[in-house]
């Protein structure tokens, strides 16, 4: 990390006080629906995913139903998202493995979630933190960017950033901090046009201190 311990505490306190009840912007009703939505959300907006999933869940309401779907059936329902070919294969494979190895029940351990097709560490951490309140932080592009700009991490890859965040964020707050950082990056600390003028964290932000136009990582 490049920021001071006191500044980091101030940043986390500010985020916590202003983002009470922050949650995923993906629409889901159960663990099965969440993991499907998160797989679909890779390099795709939550808004687009939420447009696609109602018809998908109606056609395949359970992992068992999805496990028997054909590629063509799934592709037709998700073709408007990014990389629909790969995602259709991953969804079917995920459902089949979930049924064959976990009796259709979502495993709570990140290591078990990562065994499912289409589920990398980020997706596994999202599911584990939201469904099971596991003390893990999923590092997507927003979390990666915001963590660097705020001096929370100098990690060169998502895993290093995750490890840095785990060192500075108490276990009991990690599941929520994941949402704080994502939402801050999505609506304020944006990639191309960060809204520094309306950011309550600018007083503790190393990038803002350097310049009125923060470094764009």
Protein backbone atom coordinates (compact mmCIF):
# COMPACT_ATOMS: atom_id res chain seq x y z
CA UNK A 1 0.00 0.00 0.00
CA UNK A 2 1.14 3.57 -0.68
CA UNK A 3 -1.23 5.42 1.64
CA UNK A 4 -0.85 5.96 5.37
CA UNK A 5 -2.60 3.74 7.90
CA UNK A 6 -4.64 6.70 9.17
CA UNK A 7 -5.76 7.69 5.67
CA UNK A 8 -6.78 4.12 4.93
CA UNK A 9 -8.85 4.02 8.11
CA UNK A 10 -10.48 7.30 7.10
CA UNK A 11 -11.25 5.94 3.63
CA UNK A 12 -12.83 2.76 4.95
CA UNK A 13 -14.82 4.66 7.59
CA UNK A 14 -16.13 7.06 4.93
CA UNK A 15 -17.16 4.26 2.59
CA UNK A 16 -18.85 2.33 5.37
CA UNK A 17 -20.79 5.34 6.65
CA UNK A 18 -22.12 6.27 3.22
CA UNK A 19 -22.76 2.86 1.72
CA UNK A 20 -24.84 1.15 4.36
CA UNK A 21 -26.76 -1.69 2.74
CA UNK A 22 -24.65 -1.69 -0.42
CA UNK A 23 -25.25 -4.84 -2.43
CA UNK A 24 -24.76 -6.41 -5.83
CA UNK A 25 -26.63 -4.78 -8.70
CA UNK A 26 -27.23 -8.17 -10.30
CA UNK A 27 -30.79 -9.47 -9.97
CA UNK A 28 -31.02 -12.91 -8.33
CA UNK A 29 -33.17 -14.84 -5.88
CA UNK A 30 -30.96 -17.78 -4.88
CA UNK A 31 -27.37 -19.04 -5.09
CA UNK A 32 -27.95 -20.76 -8.44
CA UNK A 33 -29.23 -17.56 -10.01
CA UNK A 34 -26.34 -15.56 -8.55
CA UNK A 35 -23.60 -17.77 -9.93
CA UNK A 36 -25.24 -17.78 -13.35
CA UNK A 37 -25.48 -13.98 -13.30
CA UNK A 38 -21.89 -13.54 -12.17
CA UNK A 39 -20.60 -15.85 -14.90
CA UNK A 40 -22.56 -13.82 -17.45
CA UNK A 41 -21.29 -10.52 -16.03
CA UNK A 42 -17.66 -11.11 -17.01
CA UNK A 43 -16.70 -8.16 -19.25
CA UNK A 44 -20.37 -7.27 -19.48
CA UNK A 45 -22.54 -4.74 -17.66
CA UNK A 46 -24.88 -5.77 -14.87
CA UNK A 47 -27.64 -3.92 -16.70
CA UNK A 48 -27.26 -6.15 -19.76
CA UNK A 49 -27.09 -9.30 -17.62
CA UNK A 50 -30.29 -8.32 -15.81
CA UNK A 51 -32.01 -8.00 -19.18
CA UNK A 52 -31.01 -11.53 -20.14
CA UNK A 53 -31.47 -13.57 -16.97
CA UNK A 54 -35.28 -13.46 -16.52
CA UNK A 55 -35.87 -15.51 -19.69
CA UNK A 56 -32.92 -17.77 -18.89
CA UNK A 57 -34.18 -18.50 -15.38
CA UNK A 58 -37.69 -19.09 -16.67
CA UNK A 59 -36.41 -21.65 -19.16
CA UNK A 60 -33.96 -23.25 -16.71
CA UNK A 61 -35.09 -22.52 -13.14
CA UNK A 62 -32.62 -24.89 -11.47
CA UNK A 63 -29.13 -26.21 -11.96
CA UNK A 64 -30.63 -29.60 -12.78
CA UNK A 65 -32.69 -28.09 -15.58
CA UNK A 66 -29.70 -26.16 -16.94
CA UNK A 67 -27.53 -29.26 -16.83
CA UNK A 68 -29.77 -30.86 -19.48
CA UNK A 69 -29.90 -27.81 -21.74
CA UNK A 70 -28.34 -27.82 -25.18
CA UNK A 71 -25.74 -25.29 -26.23
CA UNK A 72 -28.12 -23.85 -28.80
CA UNK A 73 -30.88 -23.31 -26.24
CA UNK A 74 -28.63 -21.43 -23.84
CA UNK A 75 -26.84 -19.48 -26.55
CA UNK A 76 -30.11 -18.19 -27.98
CA UNK A 77 -31.07 -16.78 -24.57
CA UNK A 78 -27.72 -15.12 -23.77
CA UNK A 79 -26.47 -14.10 -27.22
CA UNK A 80 -26.67 -10.38 -26.41
CA UNK A 81 -24.02 -10.61 -23.67
CA UNK A 82 -20.29 -10.58 -24.31
CA UNK A 83 -18.66 -13.88 -25.34
CA UNK A 84 -21.93 -15.85 -25.50
CA UNK A 85 -20.29 -18.95 -26.99
CA UNK A 86 -17.92 -19.49 -24.08
CA UNK A 87 -20.48 -18.47 -21.50
CA UNK A 88 -23.10 -20.88 -22.82
CA UNK A 89 -20.60 -23.74 -22.54
CA UNK A 90 -19.52 -22.62 -19.07
CA UNK A 91 -23.08 -22.34 -17.78
CA UNK A 92 -24.00 -25.83 -18.89
CA UNK A 93 -20.73 -27.27 -17.58
CA UNK A 94 -21.16 -25.45 -14.27
CA UNK A 95 -24.65 -26.84 -13.83
CA UNK A 96 -23.57 -30.37 -14.71
CA UNK A 97 -20.66 -30.33 -12.23
CA UNK A 98 -22.80 -28.69 -9.56
CA UNK A 99 -25.26 -31.57 -9.87
CA UNK A 100 -22.77 -34.41 -10.25
CA UNK A 101 -20.30 -33.40 -7.53
CA UNK A 102 -22.31 -31.24 -5.13
CA UNK A 103 -25.83 -32.69 -5.43
CA UNK A 104 -27.06 -29.42 -6.89
CA UNK A 105 -26.15 -27.49 -3.73
CA UNK A 106 -23.86 -24.48 -3.93
CA UNK A 107 -20.59 -25.18 -2.11
CA UNK A 108 -19.51 -22.54 0.38
CA UNK A 109 -15.73 -22.95 0.06
CA UNK A 110 -13.96 -20.80 -2.53
CA UNK A 111 -11.79 -23.76 -3.47
CA UNK A 112 -14.85 -25.87 -4.30
CA UNK A 113 -16.52 -23.06 -6.22
CA UNK A 114 -13.40 -22.71 -8.36
CA UNK A 115 -13.86 -26.31 -9.51
CA UNK A 116 -16.96 -25.28 -11.43
CA UNK A 117 -16.53 -24.44 -15.14
CA UNK A 118 -16.51 -20.72 -15.80
CA UNK A 119 -15.81 -19.91 -12.15
CA UNK A 120 -12.48 -18.23 -11.49
CA UNK A 121 -11.30 -16.77 -8.22
CA UNK A 122 -13.21 -13.51 -8.69
CA UNK A 123 -16.53 -15.26 -9.35
CA UNK A 124 -15.94 -17.70 -6.50
CA UNK A 125 -15.24 -14.84 -4.11
CA UNK A 126 -18.36 -12.97 -5.21
CA UNK A 127 -20.58 -16.00 -4.56
CA UNK A 128 -18.87 -16.90 -1.29
CA UNK A 129 -19.08 -13.35 0.07
CA UNK A 130 -22.67 -12.63 -0.97
CA UNK A 131 -24.29 -15.99 -0.22
CA UNK A 132 -22.17 -17.17 2.70
CA UNK A 133 -20.75 -13.87 3.99
CA UNK A 134 -17.26 -15.32 3.64
CA UNK A 135 -14.48 -12.85 4.58
CA UNK A 136 -13.17 -12.60 1.01
CA UNK A 137 -12.93 -9.74 -1.48
CA UNK A 138 -13.51 -10.23 -5.19
CA UNK A 139 -11.16 -8.03 -7.22
CA UNK A 140 -12.69 -6.95 -10.51
CA UNK A 141 -11.55 -4.05 -12.69
CA UNK A 142 -13.30 -1.49 -10.47
CA UNK A 143 -11.80 -2.80 -7.23
CA UNK A 144 -8.37 -3.07 -8.86
CA UNK A 145 -8.48 0.51 -10.15
CA UNK A 146 -9.88 2.10 -6.99
CA UNK A 147 -7.44 0.22 -4.75
CA UNK A 148 -4.49 1.60 -6.71
CA UNK A 149 -5.80 5.15 -6.93
CA UNK A 150 -6.57 5.32 -3.21
CA UNK A 151 -3.22 3.83 -2.25
CA UNK A 152 -4.75 0.70 -0.74
CA UNK A 153 -2.57 -1.59 -2.84
CA UNK A 154 0.31 -1.66 -5.30
CA UNK A 155 -0.53 -5.20 -6.35
CA UNK A 156 0.41 -6.07 -9.91
CA UNK A 157 -2.49 -8.47 -10.39
CA UNK A 158 -5.90 -9.19 -8.82
CA UNK A 159 -4.54 -11.77 -6.39
CA UNK A 160 -1.92 -9.38 -5.01
CA UNK A 161 -4.54 -6.65 -4.63
CA UNK A 162 -6.85 -9.12 -2.87
CA UNK A 163 -4.07 -10.05 -0.46
CA UNK A 164 -3.33 -6.38 0.28
CA UNK A 165 -7.00 -5.63 0.93
CA UNK A 166 -7.25 -8.64 3.24
CA UNK A 167 -4.40 -7.19 5.30
CA UNK A 168 -6.05 -3.80 5.81
CA UNK A 169 -9.76 -4.65 5.93
CA UNK A 170 -11.10 -6.51 8.99
CA UNK A 171 -12.66 -9.92 8.25
CA UNK A 172 -16.10 -8.82 9.36
CA UNK A 173 -16.16 -5.97 6.83
CA UNK A 174 -14.70 -7.65 3.75
CA UNK A 175 -17.96 -8.92 2.25
CA UNK A 176 -19.36 -5.39 2.38
CA UNK A 177 -16.12 -3.65 1.37
CA UNK A 178 -16.25 -5.55 -1.91
CA UNK A 179 -19.46 -3.66 -2.76
CA UNK A 180 -18.17 -0.32 -1.45
CA UNK A 181 -15.17 -0.40 -3.76
CA UNK A 182 -17.11 -1.64 -6.78
CA UNK A 183 -19.82 0.99 -6.49
CA UNK A 184 -17.31 3.77 -5.85
CA UNK A 185 -15.42 2.73 -8.97
CA UNK A 186 -18.55 2.35 -11.05
CA UNK A 187 -20.14 5.71 -10.23
CA UNK A 188 -17.42 8.04 -8.92
CA UNK A 189 -13.86 6.84 -9.47
CA UNK A 190 -14.57 5.88 -13.07
CA UNK A 191 -11.89 4.63 -15.41
CA UNK A 192 -11.90 7.38 -18.02
CA UNK A 193 -13.49 10.34 -16.24
CA UNK A 194 -13.12 10.10 -12.46
CA UNK A 195 -15.48 12.52 -10.74
CA UNK A 196 -12.93 13.86 -8.29
CA UNK A 197 -14.91 17.04 -7.70
CA UNK A 198 -17.71 15.06 -6.13
CA UNK A 199 -15.57 12.45 -4.37
CA UNK A 200 -15.59 12.55 -0.60
CA UNK A 201 -12.31 10.64 -0.51
CA UNK A 202 -10.17 13.22 -2.31
CA UNK A 203 -8.64 14.47 0.96
CA UNK A 204 -7.01 11.07 1.49
CA UNK A 205 -6.38 10.12 -2.15
CA UNK A 206 -2.71 10.04 -3.25
CA UNK A 207 -3.62 10.43 -6.92
CA UNK A 208 -5.76 13.49 -6.26
CA UNK A 209 -2.91 14.99 -4.25
CA UNK A 210 -0.57 14.61 -7.25
CA UNK A 211 -2.81 16.18 -9.81
CA UNK A 212 -6.30 17.40 -10.57
CA UNK A 213 -6.40 14.64 -13.20
CA UNK A 214 -5.69 11.34 -11.41
CA UNK A 215 -3.51 8.69 -12.96
CA UNK A 216 -5.66 6.31 -14.96
CA UNK A 217 -4.70 2.77 -14.15
